[in-house]
Every structure is written in structure tokens, then in C-alpha cells.
PDB file of N, CA and C in Angstrom:
ATOM      1  N   UNK A   1     -33.762  -2.052  30.953  1.00  0.00           N
ATOM      2  CA  UNK A   1     -33.110  -1.260  31.915  1.00  0.00           C
ATOM      3  C   UNK A   1     -31.892  -0.744  31.227  1.00  0.00           C
ATOM      4  N   UNK A   2     -31.053  -1.612  30.465  1.00  0.00           N
ATOM      5  CA  UNK A   2     -29.915  -1.116  29.787  1.00  0.00           C
ATOM      6  C   UNK A   2     -30.230   0.033  28.663  1.00  0.00           C
ATOM      7  N   UNK A   3     -31.409  -0.127  28.188  1.00  0.00           N
ATOM      8  CA  UNK A   3     -31.661   0.843  27.180  1.00  0.00           C
ATOM      9  C   UNK A   3     -32.005   2.188  27.863  1.00  0.00           C
ATOM     10  N   UNK A   4     -32.630   2.282  29.035  1.00  0.00           N
ATOM     11  CA  UNK A   4     -32.890   3.472  29.730  1.00  0.00           C
ATOM     12  C   UNK A   4     -31.624   4.058  30.176  1.00  0.00           C
ATOM     13  N   UNK A   5     -30.818   3.368  30.588  1.00  0.00           N
ATOM     14  CA  UNK A   5     -29.399   3.802  31.140  1.00  0.00           C
ATOM     15  C   UNK A   5     -28.591   4.319  29.948  1.00  0.00           C
ATOM     16  N   UNK A   6     -28.663   3.795  28.803  1.00  0.00           N
ATOM     17  CA  UNK A   6     -27.935   4.248  27.599  1.00  0.00           C
ATOM     18  C   UNK A   6     -28.639   5.627  27.180  1.00  0.00           C
ATOM     19  N   UNK A   7     -29.796   5.619  27.155  1.00  0.00           N
ATOM     20  CA  UNK A   7     -30.490   6.961  26.772  1.00  0.00           C
ATOM     21  C   UNK A   7     -30.043   8.083  27.746  1.00  0.00           C
ATOM     22  N   UNK A   8     -30.114   7.671  29.053  1.00  0.00           N
ATOM     23  CA  UNK A   8     -29.750   8.697  30.080  1.00  0.00           C
ATOM     24  C   UNK A   8     -28.351   9.161  29.835  1.00  0.00           C
ATOM     25  N   UNK A   9     -27.340   8.282  29.571  1.00  0.00           N
ATOM     26  CA  UNK A   9     -25.944   8.577  29.345  1.00  0.00           C
ATOM     27  C   UNK A   9     -25.785   9.505  28.085  1.00  0.00           C
ATOM     28  N   UNK A  10     -26.432   9.163  26.985  1.00  0.00           N
ATOM     29  CA  UNK A  10     -26.269   9.979  25.819  1.00  0.00           C
ATOM     30  C   UNK A  10     -27.023  11.238  26.088  1.00  0.00           C
ATOM     31  N   UNK A  11     -28.070  11.475  26.888  1.00  0.00           N
ATOM     32  CA  UNK A  11     -28.750  12.694  27.191  1.00  0.00           C
ATOM     33  C   UNK A  11     -27.773  13.710  27.923  1.00  0.00           C
ATOM     34  N   UNK A  12     -27.174  12.953  28.954  1.00  0.00           N
ATOM     35  CA  UNK A  12     -26.229  13.717  29.764  1.00  0.00           C
ATOM     36  C   UNK A  12     -24.940  14.235  28.994  1.00  0.00           C
ATOM     37  N   UNK A  13     -24.467  13.374  28.100  1.00  0.00           N
ATOM     38  CA  UNK A  13     -23.297  13.759  27.301  1.00  0.00           C
ATOM     39  C   UNK A  13     -23.642  14.833  26.324  1.00  0.00           C
ATOM     40  N   UNK A  14     -24.809  14.778  25.808  1.00  0.00           N
ATOM     41  CA  UNK A  14     -25.261  15.820  24.924  1.00  0.00           C
ATOM     42  C   UNK A  14     -25.461  17.196  25.663  1.00  0.00           C
ATOM     43  N   UNK A  15     -25.982  17.210  26.778  1.00  0.00           N
ATOM     44  CA  UNK A  15     -26.220  18.324  27.643  1.00  0.00           C
ATOM     45  C   UNK A  15     -24.840  18.979  28.006  1.00  0.00           C
ATOM     46  N   UNK A  16     -23.888  18.139  28.376  1.00  0.00           N
ATOM     47  CA  UNK A  16     -22.559  18.631  28.721  1.00  0.00           C
ATOM     48  C   UNK A  16     -21.700  19.202  27.559  1.00  0.00           C
ATOM     49  N   UNK A  17     -21.962  18.503  26.471  1.00  0.00           N
ATOM     50  CA  UNK A  17     -21.211  19.147  25.290  1.00  0.00           C
ATOM     51  C   UNK A  17     -21.792  20.435  24.724  1.00  0.00           C
ATOM     52  N   UNK A  18     -23.165  20.678  25.006  1.00  0.00           N
ATOM     53  CA  UNK A  18     -23.639  21.850  24.597  1.00  0.00           C
ATOM     54  C   UNK A  18     -23.384  23.055  25.339  1.00  0.00           C
ATOM     55  N   UNK A  19     -22.987  22.717  26.693  1.00  0.00           N
ATOM     56  CA  UNK A  19     -22.649  23.872  27.595  1.00  0.00           C
ATOM     57  C   UNK A  19     -21.555  24.711  26.989  1.00  0.00           C
ATOM     58  N   UNK A  20     -20.479  24.113  26.328  1.00  0.00           N
ATOM     59  CA  UNK A  20     -19.534  24.848  25.807  1.00  0.00           C
ATOM     60  C   UNK A  20     -19.977  25.684  24.579  1.00  0.00           C
ATOM     61  N   UNK A  21     -21.048  25.276  23.971  1.00  0.00           N
ATOM     62  CA  UNK A  21     -21.551  26.084  22.903  1.00  0.00           C
ATOM     63  C   UNK A  21     -22.393  27.144  23.302  1.00  0.00           C
ATOM     64  N   UNK A  22     -23.090  27.034  24.434  1.00  0.00           N
ATOM     65  CA  UNK A  22     -23.929  28.127  25.066  1.00  0.00           C
ATOM     66  C   UNK A  22     -22.899  29.095  25.646  1.00  0.00           C
ATOM     67  N   UNK A  23     -21.949  28.738  26.211  1.00  0.00           N
ATOM     68  CA  UNK A  23     -20.892  29.690  26.821  1.00  0.00           C
ATOM     69  C   UNK A  23     -20.227  30.397  25.674  1.00  0.00           C
ATOM     70  N   UNK A  24     -20.027  29.850  24.708  1.00  0.00           N
ATOM     71  CA  UNK A  24     -19.244  30.511  23.455  1.00  0.00           C
ATOM     72  C   UNK A  24     -20.165  31.504  22.915  1.00  0.00           C
ATOM     73  N   UNK A  25     -21.477  31.206  22.818  1.00  0.00           N
ATOM     74  CA  UNK A  25     -22.548  31.996  22.319  1.00  0.00           C
ATOM     75  C   UNK A  25     -22.621  33.223  23.221  1.00  0.00           C
ATOM     76  N   UNK A  26     -22.705  33.057  24.551  1.00  0.00           N
ATOM     77  CA  UNK A  26     -22.864  34.152  25.370  1.00  0.00           C
ATOM     78  C   UNK A  26     -21.638  34.992  25.305  1.00  0.00           C
ATOM     79  N   UNK A  27     -20.431  34.571  25.242  1.00  0.00           N
ATOM     80  CA  UNK A  27     -19.113  35.307  24.994  1.00  0.00           C
ATOM     81  C   UNK A  27     -19.264  36.264  23.731  1.00  0.00           C
ATOM     82  N   UNK A  28     -19.784  35.649  22.522  1.00  0.00           N
ATOM     83  CA  UNK A  28     -19.880  36.330  21.384  1.00  0.00           C
ATOM     84  C   UNK A  28     -20.909  37.479  21.524  1.00  0.00           C
ATOM     85  N   UNK A  29     -22.085  37.333  22.199  1.00  0.00           N
ATOM     86  CA  UNK A  29     -23.118  38.420  22.458  1.00  0.00           C
ATOM     87  C   UNK A  29     -22.473  39.397  23.355  1.00  0.00           C
ATOM     88  N   UNK A  30     -21.634  39.021  24.197  1.00  0.00           N
ATOM     89  CA  UNK A  30     -21.017  40.152  25.172  1.00  0.00           C
ATOM     90  C   UNK A  30     -20.112  41.021  24.291  1.00  0.00           C
ATOM     91  N   UNK A  31     -19.212  40.358  23.542  1.00  0.00           N
ATOM     92  CA  UNK A  31     -18.258  41.011  22.658  1.00  0.00           C
ATOM     93  C   UNK A  31     -19.030  41.987  21.652  1.00  0.00           C
ATOM     94  N   UNK A  32     -19.931  41.494  21.096  1.00  0.00           N
ATOM     95  CA  UNK A  32     -20.897  42.175  20.244  1.00  0.00           C
ATOM     96  C   UNK A  32     -21.384  43.453  20.999  1.00  0.00           C
ATOM     97  N   UNK A  33     -22.073  43.257  22.014  1.00  0.00           N
ATOM     98  CA  UNK A  33     -22.526  44.409  22.847  1.00  0.00           C
ATOM     99  C   UNK A  33     -21.510  45.475  23.283  1.00  0.00           C
ATOM    100  N   UNK A  34     -20.342  44.888  23.711  1.00  0.00           N
ATOM    101  CA  UNK A  34     -19.154  45.808  23.933  1.00  0.00           C
ATOM    102  C   UNK A  34     -18.730  46.704  22.628  1.00  0.00           C
ATOM    103  N   UNK A  35     -18.642  46.000  21.642  1.00  0.00           N
ATOM    104  CA  UNK A  35     -18.481  46.648  20.474  1.00  0.00           C
ATOM    105  C   UNK A  35     -19.285  47.732  20.070  1.00  0.00           C
ATOM    106  N   UNK A  36     -20.692  47.550  20.198  1.00  0.00           N
ATOM    107  CA  UNK A  36     -21.657  48.483  20.021  1.00  0.00           C
ATOM    108  C   UNK A  36     -21.592  49.576  20.881  1.00  0.00           C
ATOM    109  N   UNK A  37     -21.397  49.234  22.064  1.00  0.00           N
ATOM    110  CA  UNK A  37     -21.300  50.340  23.098  1.00  0.00           C
ATOM    111  C   UNK A  37     -20.097  51.253  22.870  1.00  0.00           C
ATOM    112  N   UNK A  38     -18.965  50.657  22.596  1.00  0.00           N
ATOM    113  CA  UNK A  38     -17.720  51.363  22.316  1.00  0.00           C
ATOM    114  C   UNK A  38     -18.023  52.268  21.056  1.00  0.00           C
ATOM    115  N   UNK A  39     -18.652  51.613  20.004  1.00  0.00           N
ATOM    116  CA  UNK A  39     -18.950  52.511  18.835  1.00  0.00           C
ATOM    117  C   UNK A  39     -19.857  53.689  18.969  1.00  0.00           C
ATOM    118  N   UNK A  40     -20.742  53.469  20.019  1.00  0.00           N
ATOM    119  CA  UNK A  40     -21.799  54.418  20.265  1.00  0.00           C
ATOM    120  C   UNK A  40     -21.108  55.546  21.129  1.00  0.00           C
ATOM    121  N   UNK A  41     -20.193  55.188  21.918  1.00  0.00           N
ATOM    122  CA  UNK A  41     -19.478  56.258  22.738  1.00  0.00           C
ATOM    123  C   UNK A  41     -18.681  57.171  21.922  1.00  0.00           C
ATOM    124  N   UNK A  42     -18.022  56.385  20.910  1.00  0.00           N
ATOM    125  CA  UNK A  42     -17.103  57.075  19.964  1.00  0.00           C
ATOM    126  C   UNK A  42     -17.796  58.106  19.166  1.00  0.00           C
ATOM    127  N   UNK A  43     -19.075  57.626  18.824  1.00  0.00           N
ATOM    128  CA  UNK A  43     -19.937  58.605  17.917  1.00  0.00           C
ATOM    129  C   UNK A  43     -20.293  59.839  18.754  1.00  0.00           C
ATOM    130  N   UNK A  44     -20.609  59.587  19.972  1.00  0.00           N
ATOM    131  CA  UNK A  44     -21.161  60.777  20.963  1.00  0.00           C
ATOM    132  C   UNK A  44     -19.968  61.438  21.396  1.00  0.00           C
ATOM    133  N   UNK A  45     -18.751  60.916  21.267  1.00  0.00           N
ATOM    134  CA  UNK A  45     -17.715  61.670  21.860  1.00  0.00           C
ATOM    135  C   UNK A  45     -17.244  61.479  23.383  1.00  0.00           C
ATOM    136  N   UNK A  46     -17.802  60.430  23.798  1.00  0.00           N
ATOM    137  CA  UNK A  46     -17.515  60.079  25.254  1.00  0.00           C
ATOM    138  C   UNK A  46     -16.380  59.136  25.123  1.00  0.00           C
ATOM    139  N   UNK A  47     -15.475  59.257  26.243  1.00  0.00           N
ATOM    140  CA  UNK A  47     -14.455  58.334  26.361  1.00  0.00           C
ATOM    141  C   UNK A  47     -14.728  57.333  27.487  1.00  0.00           C
ATOM    142  N   UNK A  48     -14.492  56.298  27.332  1.00  0.00           N
ATOM    143  CA  UNK A  48     -14.773  55.222  28.460  1.00  0.00           C
ATOM    144  C   UNK A  48     -13.614  54.304  28.673  1.00  0.00           C
ATOM    145  N   UNK A  49     -13.590  53.616  29.788  1.00  0.00           N
ATOM    146  CA  UNK A  49     -12.495  52.670  29.982  1.00  0.00           C
ATOM    147  C   UNK A  49     -12.641  51.402  29.003  1.00  0.00           C
ATOM    148  N   UNK A  50     -11.647  50.606  28.920  1.00  0.00           N
ATOM    149  CA  UNK A  50     -11.711  49.425  28.104  1.00  0.00           C
ATOM    150  C   UNK A  50     -12.561  48.417  28.728  1.00  0.00           C
ATOM    151  N   UNK A  51     -13.656  48.038  28.049  1.00  0.00           N
ATOM    152  CA  UNK A  51     -14.647  47.064  28.489  1.00  0.00           C
ATOM    153  C   UNK A  51     -14.627  45.874  27.552  1.00  0.00           C
ATOM    154  N   UNK A  52     -13.711  45.764  26.754  1.00  0.00           N
ATOM    155  CA  UNK A  52     -13.653  44.622  25.744  1.00  0.00           C
ATOM    156  C   UNK A  52     -13.239  43.358  26.568  1.00  0.00           C
ATOM    157  N   UNK A  53     -13.514  42.298  25.816  1.00  0.00           N
ATOM    158  CA  UNK A  53     -13.097  41.021  26.332  1.00  0.00           C
ATOM    159  C   UNK A  53     -14.232  40.343  27.164  1.00  0.00           C
ATOM    160  N   UNK A  54     -14.382  39.043  26.904  1.00  0.00           N
ATOM    161  CA  UNK A  54     -15.346  38.292  27.503  1.00  0.00           C
ATOM    162  C   UNK A  54     -14.729  37.491  28.615  1.00  0.00           C
ATOM    163  N   UNK A  55     -15.595  37.107  29.627  1.00  0.00           N
ATOM    164  CA  UNK A  55     -15.060  36.346  30.662  1.00  0.00           C
ATOM    165  C   UNK A  55     -14.604  35.011  30.232  1.00  0.00           C
ATOM    166  N   UNK A  56     -13.560  34.448  30.885  1.00  0.00           N
ATOM    167  CA  UNK A  56     -12.992  33.063  30.456  1.00  0.00           C
ATOM    168  C   UNK A  56     -13.561  32.100  31.586  1.00  0.00           C
ATOM    169  N   UNK A  57     -14.118  31.045  31.073  1.00  0.00           N
ATOM    170  CA  UNK A  57     -14.624  30.009  32.050  1.00  0.00           C
ATOM    171  C   UNK A  57     -13.914  28.884  32.048  1.00  0.00           C
TER     172      UNK A  57
END
């Protein structure tokens, strides 16, 4: 019983620690997409509002 509880605690701790990694990866992807969009708009001569910055969790 103790080993099952220990495994469950380790699994939950691992999942919670990986959430920050997944959120950071999502922010990086969004910032990359915003940069690509801004670059494309600049190339085409369109002006757009500032969409840079990722959400803060």
C-alpha cells in the first residue's frame, strides 16, 4: 500500500512540475507565431497593432 501511495505522489509531482514546462512551450510558440505574423505584415506593407507578448499565467 505504501509503495502505491509513493508512486502516486511521485506521478502527481511530475505532472505538476511539467505544467510549467508546457505553459512555457506554449508561450514560446505564441511569441514565434506573433513574430512571423509581424514579419509577414511588414513584408506585405500592412500595418497592424502590437500583438507581441504572451499571456502571463
